[in-house]
Protein backbone atom coordinates (compact mmCIF):
# COMPACT_ATOMS: atom_id res chain seq x y z
CA MET A 1 -37.08 -14.25 6.81
CA LYS A 2 -35.04 -13.43 10.21
CA SER A 3 -31.84 -14.37 10.56
CA ARG A 4 -31.28 -16.86 13.27
CA GLN A 5 -29.27 -15.22 16.20
CA ASP A 6 -27.48 -16.64 19.16
CA PRO A 7 -29.34 -16.17 22.14
CA ALA A 8 -26.09 -15.24 24.25
CA ALA A 9 -26.14 -12.48 21.63
CA SER A 10 -28.66 -10.46 22.97
CA ALA A 11 -27.00 -9.78 26.31
CA ALA A 12 -23.75 -9.02 24.43
CA THR A 13 -23.42 -5.56 22.94
CA PRO A 14 -20.57 -4.43 20.48
CA ARG A 15 -18.64 -3.34 23.50
CA ASP A 16 -18.51 -6.75 24.97
CA ALA A 17 -15.36 -8.04 22.73
CA ARG A 18 -15.12 -11.17 25.26
CA ALA A 19 -18.47 -12.15 25.14
CA TRP A 20 -18.48 -11.76 21.36
CA THR A 21 -15.58 -14.31 21.05
CA GLN A 22 -17.69 -16.87 22.85
CA ILE A 23 -20.99 -16.02 20.45
CA LEU A 24 -18.64 -16.67 17.54
CA ALA A 25 -17.25 -20.23 18.33
CA ARG A 26 -19.77 -21.86 16.50
CA TYR A 27 -18.96 -20.96 13.36
CA ARG A 28 -15.61 -22.15 13.30
CA GLN A 29 -15.87 -25.39 11.68
CA PRO A 30 -14.83 -25.61 7.89
CA SER A 31 -16.56 -27.45 5.47
CA THR A 32 -14.40 -29.55 3.67
CA GLY A 33 -16.49 -29.76 0.39
CA ARG A 34 -16.87 -25.93 0.61
CA SER A 35 -13.43 -25.26 0.78
CA ILE A 36 -12.55 -27.66 -2.29
CA VAL A 37 -14.91 -26.01 -4.27
CA GLU A 38 -13.81 -22.68 -3.03
CA ILE A 39 -10.34 -23.55 -4.40
CA ILE A 40 -11.74 -25.14 -7.86
CA ILE A 41 -13.28 -21.88 -8.27
CA THR A 42 -10.38 -19.89 -7.49
CA VAL A 43 -7.49 -21.74 -9.19
CA VAL A 44 -9.17 -22.90 -12.70
CA PRO A 45 -10.25 -19.22 -13.66
CA LEU A 46 -6.86 -18.11 -12.37
CA ALA A 47 -5.09 -20.57 -14.76
CA ALA A 48 -7.63 -19.99 -17.37
CA LEU A 49 -6.88 -16.32 -17.30
CA TRP A 50 -3.05 -16.74 -17.43
CA VAL A 51 -3.47 -19.04 -20.35
CA LEU A 52 -5.47 -16.86 -22.35
CA ALA A 53 -3.54 -13.98 -21.78
CA TRP A 54 -0.54 -15.51 -23.11
CA ALA A 55 -2.28 -17.11 -25.98
CA THR A 56 -3.93 -13.52 -26.70
CA LEU A 57 -0.11 -12.00 -26.94
CA ASP A 58 -0.05 -12.04 -30.67
CA ILE A 59 -3.49 -10.45 -31.16
CA GLY A 60 -2.17 -7.23 -29.26
CA TYR A 61 -1.27 -6.51 -25.69
CA TRP A 62 -4.54 -4.49 -25.12
CA LEU A 63 -6.45 -7.72 -25.19
CA ALA A 64 -3.51 -9.56 -23.04
CA LEU A 65 -3.27 -6.90 -20.27
CA PRO A 66 -6.81 -6.81 -18.85
CA LEU A 67 -7.11 -10.67 -19.13
CA ALA A 68 -3.60 -10.40 -16.69
CA ILE A 69 -5.42 -7.54 -14.43
CA ALA A 70 -8.35 -10.04 -14.00
CA ALA A 71 -6.17 -12.74 -13.00
CA ALA A 72 -5.14 -10.48 -10.47
CA GLY A 73 -8.28 -10.81 -8.78
CA PHE A 74 -8.12 -14.30 -8.49
CA LEU A 75 -4.63 -14.27 -7.24
CA VAL A 76 -5.84 -12.09 -4.25
CA ARG A 77 -8.49 -14.44 -3.86
CA LEU A 78 -5.71 -17.66 -3.63
CA PHE A 79 -4.16 -15.48 -1.04
CA ALA A 80 -7.15 -15.12 1.06
CA ILE A 81 -7.26 -18.98 1.08
CA GLN A 82 -3.57 -19.09 2.13
CA HIS A 83 -4.44 -16.46 4.82
CA ASP A 84 -7.04 -18.95 6.02
CA CYS A 85 -4.80 -21.80 5.89
CA SER A 86 -2.33 -20.10 8.07
CA HIS A 87 -5.06 -19.90 11.01
CA GLY A 88 -5.91 -23.39 10.65
CA ALA A 89 -9.48 -22.10 9.06
CA PHE A 90 -9.62 -23.41 5.74
CA PHE A 91 -9.55 -27.58 6.51
CA ARG A 92 -10.20 -29.45 9.57
CA HIS A 93 -6.94 -31.06 9.83
CA ARG A 94 -3.53 -29.10 10.08
CA LEU A 95 -1.72 -30.79 7.46
CA ALA A 96 -4.20 -30.31 5.08
CA ASN A 97 -4.01 -26.37 5.82
CA ASP A 98 -0.45 -26.31 5.88
CA TRP A 99 0.42 -27.96 2.60
CA PHE A 100 -2.31 -26.45 0.42
CA GLY A 101 -0.87 -22.96 2.11
CA ARG A 102 2.87 -23.64 0.80
CA VAL A 103 1.13 -24.61 -2.47
CA ALA A 104 -0.66 -21.52 -2.39
CA GLY A 105 2.51 -19.48 -1.33
CA VAL A 106 4.27 -20.12 -4.41
CA LEU A 107 1.87 -18.80 -6.66
CA THR A 108 1.48 -15.85 -4.57
CA PHE A 109 5.52 -15.23 -3.89
CA THR A 110 4.68 -15.67 -0.13
CA PRO A 111 6.79 -18.22 1.63
CA TYR A 112 4.24 -19.75 3.91
CA GLY A 113 5.87 -20.51 6.84
CA VAL A 114 7.23 -16.61 7.09
CA TRP A 115 3.55 -15.27 6.58
CA ARG A 116 2.04 -17.61 9.17
CA GLN A 117 4.99 -16.28 11.76
CA ALA A 118 4.67 -13.00 11.01
CA HIS A 119 0.90 -12.95 10.88
CA ALA A 120 0.44 -14.83 14.05
CA THR A 121 2.25 -11.88 15.78
CA HIS A 122 0.15 -9.44 14.21
CA HIS A 123 -2.85 -11.07 15.47
CA ALA A 124 -1.25 -11.43 18.98
CA SER A 125 -0.11 -7.81 19.39
CA THR A 126 -2.73 -5.73 16.85
CA GLY A 127 -3.25 -2.43 18.71
CA ASN A 128 -0.30 -2.66 21.09
CA LEU A 129 1.98 0.47 21.03
CA ASP A 130 4.64 -1.37 22.97
CA ARG A 131 4.78 -4.47 20.77
CA ARG A 132 4.67 -2.65 17.57
CA GLY A 133 6.75 -3.68 14.26
CA LEU A 134 6.62 -7.49 13.02
CA GLY A 135 3.57 -7.91 10.82
CA ASP A 136 2.29 -4.44 11.14
CA VAL A 137 2.19 -0.98 9.03
CA GLU A 138 4.48 1.18 11.11
CA THR A 139 2.68 4.03 12.81
CA LEU A 140 4.37 6.37 15.34
CA THR A 141 2.32 8.60 17.57
CA VAL A 142 2.46 12.21 17.20
CA GLU A 143 4.88 12.87 20.12
CA GLU A 144 7.34 10.30 18.62
CA TYR A 145 6.96 11.93 15.15
CA ARG A 146 7.82 15.29 16.88
CA ALA A 147 10.78 13.53 18.41
CA CYS A 148 12.38 12.34 15.37
CA SER A 149 15.10 14.07 13.74
CA PHE A 150 14.76 15.70 10.23
CA TRP A 151 15.97 12.21 8.41
CA GLY A 152 13.55 10.52 10.47
CA ARG A 153 10.73 12.59 9.57
CA LEU A 154 11.66 12.43 6.34
CA ARG A 155 12.03 8.57 5.66
CA TYR A 156 8.35 8.37 7.72
CA ARG A 157 6.73 10.54 5.27
CA LEU A 158 8.26 8.56 2.35
CA TYR A 159 7.30 5.17 3.98
CA ARG A 160 3.77 6.75 4.23
CA HIS A 161 3.77 7.99 0.89
CA PRO A 162 0.73 6.40 -0.99
CA LEU A 163 3.30 5.97 -4.25
CA VAL A 164 5.64 3.99 -1.73
CA MET A 165 2.77 2.43 0.20
CA PHE A 166 0.91 1.00 -2.07
CA GLY A 167 3.10 1.02 -5.31
CA LEU A 168 6.92 0.26 -4.59
CA GLY A 169 6.39 -1.43 -1.05
CA PRO A 170 4.13 -4.45 -2.47
CA ALA A 171 6.80 -4.83 -5.04
CA TYR A 172 9.83 -4.65 -2.77
CA LEU A 173 8.03 -7.13 -0.36
CA PHE A 174 6.57 -9.71 -2.54
CA ILE A 175 9.37 -9.60 -5.01
CA LEU A 176 12.67 -9.02 -2.93
CA GLN A 177 11.67 -9.29 0.70
CA TYR A 178 9.97 -12.61 1.06
CA ARG A 179 12.82 -13.98 -1.23
CA VAL A 180 15.46 -13.55 1.81
CA PRO A 181 13.40 -12.45 4.80
CA VAL A 182 16.21 -10.63 6.74
CA GLY A 183 15.27 -9.00 9.77
CA LEU A 184 11.25 -10.93 9.61
CA MET A 185 12.33 -13.15 12.12
CA ARG A 186 14.91 -15.47 13.55
CA GLY A 187 15.22 -19.46 13.44
CA TRP A 188 15.98 -21.72 10.41
CA ARG A 189 12.22 -22.38 10.16
CA PRO A 190 11.27 -19.37 8.35
CA TRP A 191 14.41 -19.63 6.63
CA ALA A 192 13.71 -23.01 5.33
CA SER A 193 10.10 -22.07 3.99
CA SER A 194 11.62 -19.14 2.24
CA MET A 195 14.21 -21.21 0.40
CA THR A 196 12.07 -23.64 -0.57
CA THR A 197 9.51 -21.54 -1.93
CA ASN A 198 11.90 -19.65 -3.75
CA LEU A 199 13.39 -23.01 -5.31
CA ALA A 200 9.56 -24.04 -6.29
CA ILE A 201 8.96 -20.41 -7.63
CA ALA A 202 12.14 -20.81 -9.78
CA SER A 203 11.32 -23.94 -10.97
CA ILE A 204 7.90 -22.88 -12.28
CA VAL A 205 9.41 -19.65 -13.97
CA GLY A 206 12.12 -21.17 -15.55
CA LEU A 207 9.62 -23.68 -17.11
CA LEU A 208 7.34 -21.13 -18.19
CA ILE A 209 10.06 -19.19 -19.66
CA TRP A 210 11.23 -22.00 -21.49
CA LEU A 211 7.84 -22.96 -23.12
CA ILE A 212 6.44 -19.21 -23.97
CA GLY A 213 9.68 -16.87 -23.57
CA LEU A 214 10.77 -14.25 -20.76
CA LYS A 215 9.00 -11.46 -22.74
CA ALA A 216 5.19 -12.82 -22.58
CA PHE A 217 6.09 -14.31 -18.86
CA LEU A 218 6.67 -10.55 -17.89
CA LEU A 219 3.83 -9.14 -19.84
CA VAL A 220 1.39 -11.10 -18.21
CA HIS A 221 2.45 -12.35 -14.74
CA LEU A 222 4.23 -9.28 -13.69
CA PRO A 223 1.31 -7.12 -13.97
CA SER A 224 -0.85 -9.84 -12.40
CA LEU A 225 1.54 -10.12 -9.46
CA LEU A 226 2.11 -6.37 -8.72
CA LEU A 227 -1.47 -5.72 -8.99
CA ALA A 228 -2.42 -8.35 -6.66
CA ALA A 229 0.33 -7.38 -4.42
CA SER A 230 -0.72 -3.64 -3.86
CA VAL A 231 -4.63 -4.92 -3.37
CA GLY A 232 -3.03 -6.78 -0.61
CA VAL A 233 -1.59 -4.29 0.87
CA TRP A 234 -4.15 -1.71 0.51
CA MET A 235 -6.51 -4.30 2.09
CA PHE A 236 -4.36 -4.94 5.13
CA TYR A 237 -3.81 -0.86 5.43
CA VAL A 238 -7.55 -0.18 5.48
CA GLN A 239 -8.20 -2.61 8.01
CA HIS A 240 -6.31 -1.30 10.83
CA GLN A 241 -5.20 2.21 9.56
CA PHE A 242 -8.81 4.08 10.29
CA GLU A 243 -9.45 7.21 12.10
CA ARG A 244 -11.46 5.28 15.08
CA THR A 245 -8.98 2.42 15.41
CA SER A 246 -7.92 1.12 18.63
CA TRP A 247 -3.94 1.79 20.22
CA ALA A 248 -3.20 1.44 23.73
CA ASN A 249 -0.14 0.92 25.90
CA ASP A 250 0.88 -2.56 26.98
CA ARG A 251 -0.64 -1.74 30.56
CA GLU A 252 -3.89 -0.58 29.17
CA TRP A 253 -4.39 -3.11 26.40
CA ASN A 254 -6.78 -5.70 25.81
CA LEU A 255 -6.48 -8.37 23.00
CA HIS A 256 -10.47 -8.68 22.37
CA ASP A 257 -11.16 -4.84 22.71
CA ALA A 258 -8.10 -4.49 19.93
CA ALA A 259 -9.64 -7.24 17.89
CA LEU A 260 -13.16 -5.66 18.01
CA HIS A 261 -12.45 -1.94 17.92
CA GLY A 262 -9.01 -1.83 16.30
CA SER A 263 -10.24 -3.70 12.86
CA SER A 264 -12.35 -2.35 10.42
CA HIS A 265 -15.66 -3.67 8.99
CA TYR A 266 -14.73 -2.87 5.31
CA ASP A 267 -18.31 -2.80 3.87
CA LEU A 268 -17.34 -3.58 0.45
CA PRO A 269 -19.53 -4.12 -2.80
CA ALA A 270 -20.26 -7.93 -3.08
CA PHE A 271 -18.17 -8.99 -5.84
CA LEU A 272 -15.13 -7.14 -4.09
CA HIS A 273 -15.95 -9.31 -1.27
CA TRP A 274 -15.85 -12.11 -2.90
CA PHE A 275 -12.29 -11.75 -4.47
CA THR A 276 -10.84 -10.49 -1.22
CA GLY A 277 -12.28 -13.56 0.62
CA ASN A 278 -14.45 -11.12 2.86
CA ILE A 279 -11.84 -10.17 4.62
CA GLY A 280 -12.92 -6.71 5.02
CA VAL A 281 -15.28 -8.46 7.76
CA HIS A 282 -11.81 -7.72 9.58
CA HIS A 283 -13.40 -7.30 13.51
CA VAL A 284 -14.87 -10.44 13.42
CA HIS A 285 -12.03 -12.24 11.61
CA HIS A 286 -9.81 -10.84 14.64
CA LEU A 287 -11.78 -11.51 16.92
CA ASN A 288 -11.99 -15.30 16.09
CA SER A 289 -9.32 -16.23 13.30
CA ARG A 290 -10.46 -19.75 12.86
CA ILE A 291 -13.68 -19.00 11.25
CA PRO A 292 -13.36 -19.57 7.53
CA TYR A 293 -13.82 -16.74 5.22
CA TYR A 294 -16.78 -18.07 3.39
CA ARG A 295 -18.69 -18.17 6.98
CA LEU A 296 -18.01 -14.33 7.94
CA PRO A 297 -21.18 -13.24 5.91
CA ARG A 298 -23.18 -15.50 7.82
CA VAL A 299 -21.89 -14.23 11.52
CA LEU A 300 -23.00 -10.51 9.85
CA ARG A 301 -26.51 -11.86 8.64
CA ASP A 302 -26.83 -13.17 11.99
CA HIS A 303 -25.62 -10.57 14.26
CA PRO A 304 -26.48 -7.59 12.37
CA GLU A 305 -25.03 -5.37 15.55
CA LEU A 306 -21.64 -6.09 14.19
CA ARG A 307 -22.19 -4.45 10.97
CA GLN A 308 -21.59 -0.77 12.25
CA VAL A 309 -18.68 -1.40 14.31
CA GLY A 310 -15.74 0.12 12.54
CA ARG A 311 -17.57 0.35 9.31
CA LEU A 312 -15.93 1.79 6.49
CA THR A 313 -17.41 2.14 2.75
CA LEU A 314 -14.95 1.91 -0.44
CA LEU A 315 -15.62 6.07 -0.38
CA GLU A 316 -14.77 6.57 3.29
CA SER A 317 -11.60 4.24 2.97
CA PHE A 318 -9.96 6.58 0.62
CA ARG A 319 -9.56 9.41 3.37
CA CYS A 320 -7.51 6.65 5.49
CA VAL A 321 -4.41 7.12 3.50
CA ARG A 322 -3.88 10.68 4.97
CA LEU A 323 -4.24 9.36 8.66
CA VAL A 324 -0.55 8.82 9.58
CA LEU A 325 0.36 9.45 12.87
CA TRP A 326 -1.60 8.15 16.21
CA ASP A 327 -2.71 11.25 18.84
CA GLU A 328 -3.01 9.70 22.28
CA THR A 329 -4.68 12.62 23.71
CA GLN A 330 -7.69 12.37 21.02
CA ARG A 331 -7.20 8.59 20.75
CA ARG A 332 -7.49 8.62 16.92
CA LEU A 333 -5.27 8.68 13.77
CA VAL A 334 -4.67 11.83 12.50
CA SER A 335 -2.59 13.33 9.19
CA PHE A 336 0.28 15.45 9.41
CA ARG A 337 -1.57 18.74 8.75
CA GLU A 338 -3.67 17.96 11.70
CA ALA A 339 -0.72 17.12 13.82
CA ARG A 340 1.26 20.30 13.01
CA LEU A 341 -1.66 22.84 13.47
CA ALA A 342 -2.39 21.14 16.91
CA ALA A 343 1.24 21.59 17.79
């Protein structure tokens, strides 16, 4: 059976980024019933796995730890729902999006107001060399790296090291930086969001520690949180840090081209797409961030020409870790070694 395709798509190639934003507009409308089901099949298994993990600690950590790891998958999925809420994509009404996003932020340790503002900045400036910073993975050009002092290069190399990027970094971001978002943004609203989230987290954590004990809480929740944080950072990294991504100076930068060609299509196995809320279909998400994640697969079915744009398989994505500098001459990301040999 052939998938339905918008007639306008026949006149638009993958390079017609602005045309795609018009084509994709019809996928924006969320379904309240579907969204509620998505929440139920995420939150209920998450809670059940946490309870089972705590209940099996007396039997042995060899049984509790796998359950905690499984819970991390649903925590990632909850973050995907929170992410859609921040775009106003999960429910029809902004109030419903905002309030569920705030509740989810308590469980994901992510203050909703801080995340929403930083992420909106990311969408508005992705791929713009003159507007790097907030909401992005720090990326230097080859020339900027060469101009750095010894300590500047060392700092950047440490920042880009996989153990820092996907280990220490996510732990610091979700456990410490989001608690006191110094330097992330100005104004009282982000601080109010962060402090309110902190208060709710402290209340729930205090109650759980009173019920099950500090050791049990840490042995179960900490692995879940840290693994989910690392997966979240990895997904965000791969969505923009691939070889043929798109970066340009402000005078050459175009929002729609950056959305389509600066974001990857992370083509994962089906079960990983489910746990990550289809966020691997990231080029479509950046073209129209109001599309609910459960409609993204339909976009690819209806418009198969989008499947190959920025496509990365799971195996190919691991090679992206070595790509750390933007080469403005070759217009691609390169490794430290490639930059050194080019010099």
